[in-house]
C-alpha atoms as a PDB file:
ATOM      1  CA  MET A   1     133.326  65.532 159.802  1.00  0.00           C
ATOM      2  CA  ALA A   2     136.788  65.114 158.327  1.00  0.00           C
ATOM      3  CA  HIS A   3     135.314  63.074 155.487  1.00  0.00           C
ATOM      4  CA  SER A   4     133.693  66.088 153.878  1.00  0.00           C
ATOM      5  CA  SER A   5     136.899  67.342 152.304  1.00  0.00           C
ATOM      6  CA  PRO A   6     139.444  65.393 150.264  1.00  0.00           C
ATOM      7  CA  PRO A   7     142.683  64.477 152.026  1.00  0.00           C
ATOM      8  CA  VAL A   8     145.612  66.857 151.773  1.00  0.00           C
ATOM      9  CA  ILE A   9     148.481  64.880 150.260  1.00  0.00           C
ATOM     10  CA  ALA A  10     151.599  67.032 150.368  1.00  0.00           C
ATOM     11  CA  GLY A  11     154.436  66.410 147.975  1.00  0.00           C
ATOM     12  CA  LEU A  12     157.798  66.174 149.728  1.00  0.00           C
ATOM     13  CA  LEU A  13     160.757  66.483 147.389  1.00  0.00           C
ATOM     14  CA  LEU A  14     164.161  65.568 148.791  1.00  0.00           C
ATOM     15  CA  ALA A  15     166.628  67.637 146.768  1.00  0.00           C
ATOM     16  CA  ALA A  16     169.488  68.292 149.202  1.00  0.00           C
ATOM     17  CA  GLY A  17     172.125  65.897 147.868  1.00  0.00           C
ATOM     18  CA  GLY A  18     175.540  67.145 146.911  1.00  0.00           C
ATOM     19  CA  GLY A  19     176.141  64.668 144.101  1.00  0.00           C
ATOM     20  CA  ARG A  20     179.369  63.425 145.646  1.00  0.00           C
ATOM     21  CA  ARG A  21     179.813  60.768 142.941  1.00  0.00           C
ATOM     22  CA  LEU A  22     179.038  63.367 140.292  1.00  0.00           C
ATOM     23  CA  GLY A  23     182.065  65.436 141.224  1.00  0.00           C
ATOM     24  CA  GLY A  24     180.100  67.495 143.716  1.00  0.00           C
ATOM     25  CA  ARG A  25     177.421  68.733 141.351  1.00  0.00           C
ATOM     26  CA  PRO A  26     174.222  69.304 143.323  1.00  0.00           C
ATOM     27  CA  LYS A  27     171.595  66.968 141.943  1.00  0.00           C
ATOM     28  CA  ALA A  28     168.866  69.596 142.108  1.00  0.00           C
ATOM     29  CA  LEU A  29     170.696  71.618 139.444  1.00  0.00           C
ATOM     30  CA  LEU A  30     171.446  68.859 136.948  1.00  0.00           C
ATOM     31  CA  GLU A  31     169.870  69.823 133.637  1.00  0.00           C
ATOM     32  CA  HIS A  32     166.969  67.807 132.293  1.00  0.00           C
ATOM     33  CA  ARG A  33     165.185  68.987 129.177  1.00  0.00           C
ATOM     34  CA  GLY A  34     166.777  72.373 129.561  1.00  0.00           C
ATOM     35  CA  ARG A  35     165.702  73.009 133.156  1.00  0.00           C
ATOM     36  CA  PRO A  36     167.108  72.044 136.555  1.00  0.00           C
ATOM     37  CA  LEU A  37     166.101  68.582 137.746  1.00  0.00           C
ATOM     38  CA  VAL A  38     164.409  70.065 140.821  1.00  0.00           C
ATOM     39  CA  GLU A  39     161.853  71.839 138.617  1.00  0.00           C
ATOM     40  CA  HIS A  40     161.093  68.623 136.766  1.00  0.00           C
ATOM     41  CA  ALA A  41     160.445  66.788 140.056  1.00  0.00           C
ATOM     42  CA  ILE A  42     158.232  69.574 141.428  1.00  0.00           C
ATOM     43  CA  ARG A  43     156.137  69.436 138.273  1.00  0.00           C
ATOM     44  CA  MET A  44     155.752  65.658 138.580  1.00  0.00           C
ATOM     45  CA  LEU A  45     154.423  66.053 142.121  1.00  0.00           C
ATOM     46  CA  GLN A  46     152.033  68.800 141.093  1.00  0.00           C
ATOM     47  CA  GLU A  47     150.792  66.975 138.000  1.00  0.00           C
ATOM     48  CA  GLY A  48     150.372  63.833 140.092  1.00  0.00           C
ATOM     49  CA  GLY A  49     147.916  65.676 142.303  1.00  0.00           C
ATOM     50  CA  CYS A  50     150.059  66.533 145.310  1.00  0.00           C
ATOM     51  CA  GLY A  51     149.787  69.837 147.089  1.00  0.00           C
ATOM     52  CA  PRO A  52     151.206  71.728 148.777  1.00  0.00           C
ATOM     53  CA  VAL A  53     154.708  70.827 147.577  1.00  0.00           C
ATOM     54  CA  HIS A  54     157.577  71.075 150.063  1.00  0.00           C
ATOM     55  CA  VAL A  55     161.158  71.001 148.815  1.00  0.00           C
ATOM     56  CA  VAL A  56     164.138  70.190 151.030  1.00  0.00           C
ATOM     57  CA  LEU A  57     167.339  71.796 149.778  1.00  0.00           C
ATOM     58  CA  GLY A  58     170.858  71.404 151.121  1.00  0.00           C
ATOM     59  CA  ALA A  59     173.865  71.444 148.822  1.00  0.00           C
ATOM     60  CA  ALA A  60     174.196  74.810 147.068  1.00  0.00           C
ATOM     61  CA  ALA A  61     170.780  75.839 148.385  1.00  0.00           C
ATOM     62  CA  ASP A  62     171.271  79.505 147.485  1.00  0.00           C
ATOM     63  CA  GLU A  63     172.309  78.621 143.956  1.00  0.00           C
ATOM     64  CA  VAL A  64     169.309  76.321 143.565  1.00  0.00           C
ATOM     65  CA  ARG A  65     166.985  79.100 144.717  1.00  0.00           C
ATOM     66  CA  ALA A  66     168.623  81.490 142.267  1.00  0.00           C
ATOM     67  CA  ARG A  67     168.556  79.194 139.248  1.00  0.00           C
ATOM     68  CA  ALA A  68     165.430  77.101 139.689  1.00  0.00           C
ATOM     69  CA  ASP A  69     161.818  78.184 139.677  1.00  0.00           C
ATOM     70  CA  LEU A  70     160.524  77.095 143.079  1.00  0.00           C
ATOM     71  CA  SER A  71     157.465  79.337 143.000  1.00  0.00           C
ATOM     72  CA  GLY A  72     154.467  77.869 144.725  1.00  0.00           C
ATOM     73  CA  CYS A  73     156.613  75.558 146.832  1.00  0.00           C
ATOM     74  CA  ALA A  74     157.528  75.704 150.489  1.00  0.00           C
ATOM     75  CA  VAL A  75     161.309  75.434 150.807  1.00  0.00           C
ATOM     76  CA  THR A  76     163.183  74.016 153.789  1.00  0.00           C
ATOM     77  CA  VAL A  77     166.974  74.190 153.855  1.00  0.00           C
ATOM     78  CA  ASN A  78     168.566  71.273 155.676  1.00  0.00           C
ATOM     79  CA  PRO A  79     171.906  72.393 157.143  1.00  0.00           C
ATOM     80  CA  GLN A  80     172.672  68.778 158.074  1.00  0.00           C
ATOM     81  CA  TRP A  81     172.384  67.541 154.485  1.00  0.00           C
ATOM     82  CA  PRO A  82     175.905  66.022 154.410  1.00  0.00           C
ATOM     83  CA  GLU A  83     174.711  63.451 156.984  1.00  0.00           C
ATOM     84  CA  GLY A  84     172.589  61.854 154.291  1.00  0.00           C
ATOM     85  CA  MET A  85     169.021  61.532 153.156  1.00  0.00           C
ATOM     86  CA  GLY A  86     167.714  60.719 156.623  1.00  0.00           C
ATOM     87  CA  SER A  87     168.348  64.259 157.843  1.00  0.00           C
ATOM     88  CA  SER A  88     166.497  65.685 154.831  1.00  0.00           C
ATOM     89  CA  LEU A  89     163.530  63.412 155.433  1.00  0.00           C
ATOM     90  CA  ARG A  90     163.473  64.555 159.076  1.00  0.00           C
ATOM     91  CA  ALA A  91     163.646  68.199 158.015  1.00  0.00           C
ATOM     92  CA  GLY A  92     160.851  67.757 155.497  1.00  0.00           C
ATOM     93  CA  LEU A  93     158.518  65.887 157.817  1.00  0.00           C
ATOM     94  CA  GLY A  94     159.272  68.440 160.507  1.00  0.00           C
ATOM     95  CA  ALA A  95     158.253  71.266 158.193  1.00  0.00           C
ATOM     96  CA  LEU A  96     155.059  69.444 157.238  1.00  0.00           C
ATOM     97  CA  SER A  97     154.078  68.503 160.768  1.00  0.00           C
ATOM     98  CA  GLY A  98     152.762  71.982 161.447  1.00  0.00           C
ATOM     99  CA  THR A  99     150.502  71.913 158.389  1.00  0.00           C
ATOM    100  CA  GLU A 100     147.143  70.398 157.538  1.00  0.00           C
ATOM    101  CA  ALA A 101     148.654  67.632 155.441  1.00  0.00           C
ATOM    102  CA  ASP A 102     147.156  64.183 155.993  1.00  0.00           C
ATOM    103  CA  ALA A 103     150.052  62.437 154.270  1.00  0.00           C
ATOM    104  CA  ALA A 104     153.377  63.135 152.594  1.00  0.00           C
ATOM    105  CA  LEU A 105     154.288  61.670 149.229  1.00  0.00           C
ATOM    106  CA  VAL A 106     158.080  61.543 149.100  1.00  0.00           C
ATOM    107  CA  LEU A 107     159.961  61.835 145.811  1.00  0.00           C
ATOM    108  CA  LEU A 108     163.728  61.970 145.280  1.00  0.00           C
ATOM    109  CA  VAL A 109     165.124  64.619 142.971  1.00  0.00           C
ATOM    110  CA  ASP A 110     167.501  62.180 141.254  1.00  0.00           C
ATOM    111  CA  GLN A 111     164.819  59.859 139.865  1.00  0.00           C
ATOM    112  CA  PRO A 112     163.522  61.702 136.796  1.00  0.00           C
ATOM    113  CA  GLY A 113     162.159  58.497 135.311  1.00  0.00           C
ATOM    114  CA  ILE A 114     159.375  58.614 137.883  1.00  0.00           C
ATOM    115  CA  GLY A 115     156.652  60.784 136.442  1.00  0.00           C
ATOM    116  CA  ALA A 116     153.253  62.138 137.324  1.00  0.00           C
ATOM    117  CA  GLN A 117     151.480  58.843 136.610  1.00  0.00           C
ATOM    118  CA  ALA A 118     153.430  56.965 139.275  1.00  0.00           C
ATOM    119  CA  VAL A 119     152.906  59.863 141.694  1.00  0.00           C
ATOM    120  CA  ALA A 120     149.161  59.811 141.057  1.00  0.00           C
ATOM    121  CA  ARG A 121     148.972  56.039 141.505  1.00  0.00           C
ATOM    122  CA  VAL A 122     150.759  56.048 144.844  1.00  0.00           C
ATOM    123  CA  ARG A 123     148.783  59.080 145.958  1.00  0.00           C
ATOM    124  CA  SER A 124     145.526  57.258 145.244  1.00  0.00           C
ATOM    125  CA  ALA A 125     146.522  54.512 147.704  1.00  0.00           C
ATOM    126  CA  TYR A 126     145.848  56.936 150.578  1.00  0.00           C
ATOM    127  CA  ARG A 127     143.147  55.652 152.942  1.00  0.00           C
ATOM    128  CA  SER A 128     143.902  57.227 156.322  1.00  0.00           C
ATOM    129  CA  ARG A 129     146.567  59.073 158.293  1.00  0.00           C
ATOM    130  CA  MET A 130     148.062  55.666 159.039  1.00  0.00           C
ATOM    131  CA  THR A 131     148.493  54.748 155.360  1.00  0.00           C
ATOM    132  CA  LEU A 132     151.881  53.466 154.198  1.00  0.00           C
ATOM    133  CA  ALA A 133     152.183  53.027 150.437  1.00  0.00           C
ATOM    134  CA  ALA A 134     155.032  52.725 147.971  1.00  0.00           C
ATOM    135  CA  ALA A 135     155.557  52.322 144.278  1.00  0.00           C
ATOM    136  CA  SER A 136     156.868  48.944 143.285  1.00  0.00           C
ATOM    137  CA  TYR A 137     158.769  47.960 140.201  1.00  0.00           C
ATOM    138  CA  ASP A 138     158.292  44.302 139.294  1.00  0.00           C
ATOM    139  CA  GLY A 139     157.521  43.655 142.948  1.00  0.00           C
ATOM    140  CA  GLU A 140     160.495  45.597 144.342  1.00  0.00           C
ATOM    141  CA  ARG A 141     159.623  48.495 146.615  1.00  0.00           C
ATOM    142  CA  GLY A 142     160.813  51.881 145.377  1.00  0.00           C
ATOM    143  CA  HIS A 143     159.801  55.534 145.193  1.00  0.00           C
ATOM    144  CA  PRO A 144     157.661  57.472 145.513  1.00  0.00           C
ATOM    145  CA  VAL A 145     156.473  56.494 148.987  1.00  0.00           C
ATOM    146  CA  LEU A 146     153.463  57.806 150.870  1.00  0.00           C
ATOM    147  CA  PHE A 147     153.498  58.271 154.642  1.00  0.00           C
ATOM    148  CA  GLY A 148     150.282  58.993 156.541  1.00  0.00           C
ATOM    149  CA  ALA A 149     150.736  61.872 158.968  1.00  0.00           C
ATOM    150  CA  ASP A 150     150.194  59.721 162.069  1.00  0.00           C
ATOM    151  CA  ARG A 151     153.398  57.855 161.209  1.00  0.00           C
ATOM    152  CA  TRP A 152     155.670  60.852 160.678  1.00  0.00           C
ATOM    153  CA  ALA A 153     157.050  61.119 164.200  1.00  0.00           C
ATOM    154  CA  ASP A 154     158.147  57.470 164.256  1.00  0.00           C
ATOM    155  CA  ILE A 155     159.573  57.671 160.734  1.00  0.00           C
ATOM    156  CA  ALA A 156     161.539  60.826 161.572  1.00  0.00           C
ATOM    157  CA  ALA A 157     162.872  59.249 164.762  1.00  0.00           C
ATOM    158  CA  GLY A 158     164.429  56.444 162.744  1.00  0.00           C
ATOM    159  CA  ALA A 159     165.668  58.513 159.820  1.00  0.00           C
ATOM    160  CA  VAL A 160     169.435  58.573 160.286  1.00  0.00           C
ATOM    161  CA  GLY A 161     172.340  58.675 157.872  1.00  0.00           C
ATOM    162  CA  ASP A 162     171.427  57.576 154.379  1.00  0.00           C
ATOM    163  CA  GLN A 163     168.732  55.255 155.652  1.00  0.00           C
ATOM    164  CA  GLY A 164     165.813  57.594 155.266  1.00  0.00           C
ATOM    165  CA  ALA A 165     162.737  55.533 156.067  1.00  0.00           C
ATOM    166  CA  ARG A 166     164.241  52.210 155.022  1.00  0.00           C
ATOM    167  CA  ALA A 167     164.397  50.659 158.504  1.00  0.00           C
ATOM    168  CA  TYR A 168     160.882  51.847 159.323  1.00  0.00           C
ATOM    169  CA  LEU A 169     159.504  50.443 156.085  1.00  0.00           C
ATOM    170  CA  ARG A 170     161.254  47.135 156.708  1.00  0.00           C
ATOM    171  CA  ALA A 171     159.770  46.909 160.209  1.00  0.00           C
ATOM    172  CA  HIS A 172     156.280  47.726 158.907  1.00  0.00           C
ATOM    173  CA  ARG A 173     156.441  45.711 155.708  1.00  0.00           C
ATOM    174  CA  ASP A 174     153.036  44.128 156.293  1.00  0.00           C
ATOM    175  CA  ALA A 175     151.355  47.533 156.480  1.00  0.00           C
ATOM    176  CA  ILE A 176     152.665  48.802 153.135  1.00  0.00           C
ATOM    177  CA  THR A 177     150.364  48.995 150.145  1.00  0.00           C
ATOM    178  CA  LEU A 178     152.561  48.287 147.117  1.00  0.00           C
ATOM    179  CA  VAL A 179     151.466  50.042 143.937  1.00  0.00           C
ATOM    180  CA  GLU A 180     152.935  48.535 140.786  1.00  0.00           C
ATOM    181  CA  CYS A 181     154.357  51.303 138.576  1.00  0.00           C
ATOM    182  CA  SER A 182     156.827  49.565 136.268  1.00  0.00           C
ATOM    183  CA  ASP A 183     154.484  50.107 133.322  1.00  0.00           C
ATOM    184  CA  VAL A 184     154.527  53.904 133.739  1.00  0.00           C
ATOM    185  CA  ALA A 185     157.871  54.740 135.373  1.00  0.00           C
ATOM    186  CA  GLU A 186     161.542  53.837 135.574  1.00  0.00           C
ATOM    187  CA  ALA A 187     163.191  53.862 138.976  1.00  0.00           C
ATOM    188  CA  TYR A 188     166.801  54.572 138.061  1.00  0.00           C
ATOM    189  CA  ASP A 189     168.860  57.022 140.146  1.00  0.00           C
ATOM    190  CA  ILE A 190     171.198  59.691 138.838  1.00  0.00           C
ATOM    191  CA  ASP A 191     174.191  58.844 141.019  1.00  0.00           C
ATOM    192  CA  THR A 192     177.209  58.614 138.759  1.00  0.00           C
ATOM    193  CA  ALA A 193     178.493  60.340 135.645  1.00  0.00           C
ATOM    194  CA  GLU A 194     177.335  57.353 133.612  1.00  0.00           C
ATOM    195  CA  ASP A 195     173.760  57.856 134.832  1.00  0.00           C
ATOM    196  CA  LEU A 196     173.703  61.307 133.265  1.00  0.00           C
ATOM    197  CA  ARG A 197     172.829  59.636 129.954  1.00  0.00           C
ATOM    198  CA  HIS A 198     169.250  59.446 131.288  1.00  0.00           C
ATOM    199  CA  LEU A 199     169.050  63.246 131.160  1.00  0.00           C
ATOM    200  CA  ASP A 200     168.376  65.095 127.946  1.00  0.00           C
END
């Protein structure tokens, strides 16, 4: 009878990074259009049709909570955030595994060029709890990515260091639905001081 209700596609925002190459400025708190980047990313997930939205914080988590509006989101603080994105992905999937979510759509806080349209496109690629889907930009796989819930345990098991789900996605390349998004999104990262020009 599971078909009677629409799938629950949770948004999973990885926002724990310390911005090492930005002089230690937590990425979640970088300003974009007058508000912290983390708020912008949450809104993109919500407008793209994801819910509930889970946010993984790490660097300066207390400051992020104090300065950013995270209302309506579930927040997980990843104490292992310095190990890299893999630990945040594990923490986020772990938090979601006790919920009713059928899939997680993963967005990175430092990619503000990815908006609600790309989120909605990747979200619409969901078919089952085994779905693997990812945005692609001129054929190159990027974010956001969608992981069906039946894959979370294996993805989390391989999420180490800064790898996140990269090794898993490589091993399961044939199962990934690629969703072209280059016409509606830009996949740049905010990693260095020079990248800050993308923020306004």
